[in-house]
Amino acid sequence: PGKITGFHSPGGLSVRLDSAIYAGYTIPPNYDSLIGKLIVHGRDRTECMMRLRRALDEMVITGVETTLPLFRELMTEPDIINGDY
């Protein structure tokens, strides 16, 4: 819970964010922890990973803790990059 003080949604070809959040939105204390879902599409895994990295780098949510740092870090892990998980 908390107030989102800054928000920038990623964009681009085959990048979609399903969310209703915005800068100034207050997340209620009894909320579903999924405040947004980032979806990318591509011709193959390599293209999807490239688009996902870019989208994660473009996405900004401030004022509340998010899992963005975790997912950015996961995108650098060799096992994730190679699909060995």
C-alpha atoms as a PDB file:
ATOM      1  CA  PRO A   1       0.000   0.000   0.000  1.00  0.00           C
ATOM      2  CA  GLY A   2       1.004   3.579  -0.541  1.00  0.00           C
ATOM      3  CA  LYS A   3       0.843   6.385  -3.054  1.00  0.00           C
ATOM      4  CA  ILE A   4       2.427   6.184  -6.482  1.00  0.00           C
ATOM      5  CA  THR A   5       4.327   9.445  -6.865  1.00  0.00           C
ATOM      6  CA  GLY A   6       5.722   8.854 -10.333  1.00  0.00           C
ATOM      7  CA  PHE A   7       4.740   6.601 -13.188  1.00  0.00           C
ATOM      8  CA  HIS A   8       5.908   6.033 -16.749  1.00  0.00           C
ATOM      9  CA  SER A   9       4.556   3.156 -18.800  1.00  0.00           C
ATOM     10  CA  PRO A  10       6.847   1.458 -21.311  1.00  0.00           C
ATOM     11  CA  GLY A  11       5.842   1.503 -24.941  1.00  0.00           C
ATOM     12  CA  GLY A  12       6.862   0.224 -28.316  1.00  0.00           C
ATOM     13  CA  LEU A  13       6.071  -2.533 -30.730  1.00  0.00           C
ATOM     14  CA  SER A  14       4.511  -5.581 -29.043  1.00  0.00           C
ATOM     15  CA  VAL A  15       4.815  -4.128 -25.524  1.00  0.00           C
ATOM     16  CA  ARG A  16       1.697  -3.886 -23.366  1.00  0.00           C
ATOM     17  CA  LEU A  17       1.103  -2.949 -19.751  1.00  0.00           C
ATOM     18  CA  ASP A  18      -2.202  -4.034 -18.230  1.00  0.00           C
ATOM     19  CA  SER A  19      -2.745  -1.706 -15.285  1.00  0.00           C
ATOM     20  CA  ALA A  20      -4.951   1.073 -13.978  1.00  0.00           C
ATOM     21  CA  ILE A  21      -2.241   2.855 -11.964  1.00  0.00           C
ATOM     22  CA  TYR A  22      -1.136   6.451 -12.508  1.00  0.00           C
ATOM     23  CA  ALA A  23       0.968   9.058 -10.732  1.00  0.00           C
ATOM     24  CA  GLY A  24      -1.038  10.076  -7.682  1.00  0.00           C
ATOM     25  CA  TYR A  25      -2.870   6.752  -7.395  1.00  0.00           C
ATOM     26  CA  THR A  26      -3.154   5.469  -3.831  1.00  0.00           C
ATOM     27  CA  ILE A  27      -2.928   1.712  -3.471  1.00  0.00           C
ATOM     28  CA  PRO A  28      -5.418   0.705  -0.763  1.00  0.00           C
ATOM     29  CA  PRO A  29      -4.236  -1.305   2.243  1.00  0.00           C
ATOM     30  CA  ASN A  30      -6.323  -4.344   1.250  1.00  0.00           C
ATOM     31  CA  TYR A  31      -5.156  -4.532  -2.351  1.00  0.00           C
ATOM     32  CA  ASP A  32      -4.260  -7.297  -4.752  1.00  0.00           C
ATOM     33  CA  SER A  33      -0.464  -7.125  -4.917  1.00  0.00           C
ATOM     34  CA  LEU A  34      -0.587  -7.324  -8.733  1.00  0.00           C
ATOM     35  CA  ILE A  35      -0.817  -3.636  -9.669  1.00  0.00           C
ATOM     36  CA  GLY A  36       0.256  -4.238 -13.243  1.00  0.00           C
ATOM     37  CA  LYS A  37       1.203  -6.892 -15.760  1.00  0.00           C
ATOM     38  CA  LEU A  38       3.882  -6.278 -18.387  1.00  0.00           C
ATOM     39  CA  ILE A  39       3.490  -8.345 -21.555  1.00  0.00           C
ATOM     40  CA  VAL A  40       5.808  -8.508 -24.566  1.00  0.00           C
ATOM     41  CA  HIS A  41       5.595 -10.470 -27.811  1.00  0.00           C
ATOM     42  CA  GLY A  42       8.226 -11.283 -30.402  1.00  0.00           C
ATOM     43  CA  ARG A  43       9.142 -13.667 -33.201  1.00  0.00           C
ATOM     44  CA  ASP A  44      11.314 -15.712 -30.863  1.00  0.00           C
ATOM     45  CA  ARG A  45      12.689 -15.834 -27.319  1.00  0.00           C
ATOM     46  CA  THR A  46      15.636 -13.567 -28.166  1.00  0.00           C
ATOM     47  CA  GLU A  47      13.356 -10.832 -29.498  1.00  0.00           C
ATOM     48  CA  CYS A  48      11.019 -11.168 -26.504  1.00  0.00           C
ATOM     49  CA  MET A  49      13.923 -10.904 -24.062  1.00  0.00           C
ATOM     50  CA  MET A  50      15.239  -7.805 -25.853  1.00  0.00           C
ATOM     51  CA  ARG A  51      11.822  -6.140 -25.714  1.00  0.00           C
ATOM     52  CA  LEU A  52      11.317  -7.116 -22.087  1.00  0.00           C
ATOM     53  CA  ARG A  53      14.709  -5.665 -21.064  1.00  0.00           C
ATOM     54  CA  ARG A  54      13.905  -2.409 -22.833  1.00  0.00           C
ATOM     55  CA  ALA A  55      10.403  -2.232 -21.351  1.00  0.00           C
ATOM     56  CA  LEU A  56      11.699  -2.881 -17.825  1.00  0.00           C
ATOM     57  CA  ASP A  57      14.315  -0.143 -18.294  1.00  0.00           C
ATOM     58  CA  GLU A  58      11.654   2.323 -19.513  1.00  0.00           C
ATOM     59  CA  MET A  59       9.136   1.559 -16.781  1.00  0.00           C
ATOM     60  CA  VAL A  60       9.119   3.907 -13.798  1.00  0.00           C
ATOM     61  CA  ILE A  61       7.051   3.508 -10.634  1.00  0.00           C
ATOM     62  CA  THR A  62       8.064   5.614  -7.643  1.00  0.00           C
ATOM     63  CA  GLY A  63       6.605   6.078  -4.190  1.00  0.00           C
ATOM     64  CA  VAL A  64       5.996   2.382  -3.511  1.00  0.00           C
ATOM     65  CA  GLU A  65       8.167  -0.715  -3.512  1.00  0.00           C
ATOM     66  CA  THR A  66       7.894  -2.834  -6.646  1.00  0.00           C
ATOM     67  CA  THR A  67       9.437  -5.973  -8.076  1.00  0.00           C
ATOM     68  CA  LEU A  68      10.983  -4.014 -10.967  1.00  0.00           C
ATOM     69  CA  PRO A  69      14.526  -4.279  -9.521  1.00  0.00           C
ATOM     70  CA  LEU A  70      14.109  -8.045  -9.156  1.00  0.00           C
ATOM     71  CA  PHE A  71      12.969  -8.494 -12.753  1.00  0.00           C
ATOM     72  CA  ARG A  72      15.734  -6.224 -14.078  1.00  0.00           C
ATOM     73  CA  GLU A  73      18.254  -8.362 -12.189  1.00  0.00           C
ATOM     74  CA  LEU A  74      16.683 -11.596 -13.453  1.00  0.00           C
ATOM     75  CA  MET A  75      17.183 -10.371 -17.022  1.00  0.00           C
ATOM     76  CA  THR A  76      20.961 -10.461 -16.424  1.00  0.00           C
ATOM     77  CA  GLU A  77      21.057 -14.005 -15.044  1.00  0.00           C
ATOM     78  CA  PRO A  78      22.627 -16.487 -17.505  1.00  0.00           C
ATOM     79  CA  ASP A  79      20.168 -19.265 -16.605  1.00  0.00           C
ATOM     80  CA  ILE A  80      17.207 -16.988 -17.337  1.00  0.00           C
ATOM     81  CA  ILE A  81      18.779 -15.687 -20.548  1.00  0.00           C
ATOM     82  CA  ASN A  82      19.428 -19.265 -21.718  1.00  0.00           C
ATOM     83  CA  GLY A  83      16.044 -20.576 -20.586  1.00  0.00           C
ATOM     84  CA  ASP A  84      17.609 -22.960 -18.064  1.00  0.00           C
ATOM     85  CA  TYR A  85      15.198 -22.668 -15.171  1.00  0.00           C
END
